[in-house]
Protein backbone atom coordinates (compact mmCIF):
# COMPACT_ATOMS: atom_id res chain seq x y z
CA MET A 1 83.23 88.37 82.25
CA THR A 2 83.65 85.98 79.36
CA ILE A 3 83.96 86.95 75.72
CA HIS A 4 80.58 85.35 75.06
CA GLU A 5 78.88 87.30 77.86
CA ALA A 6 80.42 90.56 76.65
CA SER A 7 79.24 89.87 73.09
CA GLN A 8 75.72 89.25 74.32
CA LEU A 9 75.77 92.44 76.37
CA LEU A 10 76.94 94.47 73.37
CA SER A 11 74.14 93.08 71.23
CA ASP A 12 71.50 94.24 73.73
CA ASP A 13 70.14 97.71 72.94
CA LYS A 14 68.63 98.12 76.41
CA VAL A 15 71.84 97.67 78.38
CA SER A 16 72.69 100.40 80.88
CA ARG A 17 75.80 102.53 80.80
CA LEU A 18 76.82 101.06 84.16
CA GLN A 19 76.61 97.52 82.78
CA LEU A 20 78.75 98.55 79.81
CA LEU A 21 81.30 100.16 82.12
CA GLN A 22 81.46 97.09 84.36
CA CYS A 23 81.88 94.88 81.30
CA TYR A 24 84.68 97.14 80.02
CA GLU A 25 86.52 97.02 83.35
CA SER A 26 86.15 93.26 83.58
CA LEU A 27 87.42 92.68 80.05
CA CYS A 28 90.40 94.97 80.60
CA LYS A 29 91.41 93.02 83.71
CA GLU A 30 90.97 89.69 81.92
CA TYR A 31 92.94 91.02 78.94
CA GLY A 32 95.86 91.89 81.22
CA TYR A 33 95.72 88.48 82.88
CA ILE A 34 95.72 86.60 79.57
CA GLN A 35 98.45 88.83 78.18
CA GLY A 36 100.62 88.11 81.24
CA MET A 37 99.99 84.38 81.00
CA THR A 38 100.88 84.42 77.31
CA ILE A 39 104.09 86.41 77.86
CA ALA A 40 105.13 84.08 80.69
CA ASN A 41 104.59 81.07 78.40
CA LEU A 42 101.91 79.72 80.72
CA ARG A 43 99.38 79.89 77.90
CA ASP A 44 99.71 78.76 74.30
CA LEU A 45 100.94 81.68 72.19
CA ILE A 46 98.56 81.17 69.28
CA SER A 47 95.40 80.71 71.35
CA GLY A 48 96.49 83.55 73.63
CA ARG A 49 96.89 85.93 70.71
CA LYS A 50 93.54 84.85 69.25
CA THR A 51 91.79 85.44 72.58
CA LEU A 52 93.52 88.81 73.01
CA ALA A 53 92.46 89.89 69.52
CA GLU A 54 88.84 88.93 70.24
CA MET A 55 88.93 90.77 73.54
CA GLN A 56 90.51 93.87 71.99
CA LEU A 57 87.71 94.02 69.44
CA LEU A 58 85.10 93.86 72.21
CA ILE A 59 86.96 96.47 74.27
CA ASP A 60 87.02 98.81 71.27
CA GLN A 61 83.28 98.27 70.72
CA LEU A 62 82.60 99.00 74.39
CA LYS A 63 84.61 102.22 74.18
CA GLU A 64 82.49 103.35 71.24
CA ARG A 65 79.24 102.62 73.09
CA LEU A 66 80.48 104.45 76.18
CA LYS A 67 81.27 107.69 74.31
């Protein structure tokens, strides 16, 4: 799931818990992939960190909604 798709999902009040959980799982996997690519120098460090920061914010928001 992309950052944009996750943002849209979070802005929807009628989203199901299952959709939120699937979004959370998808973002966590993508976060790990981007983090690995950044550490291995296969992705630009600055853009990688920016993307990871955006994703972490969304992951934190998803955690709050899932409580």
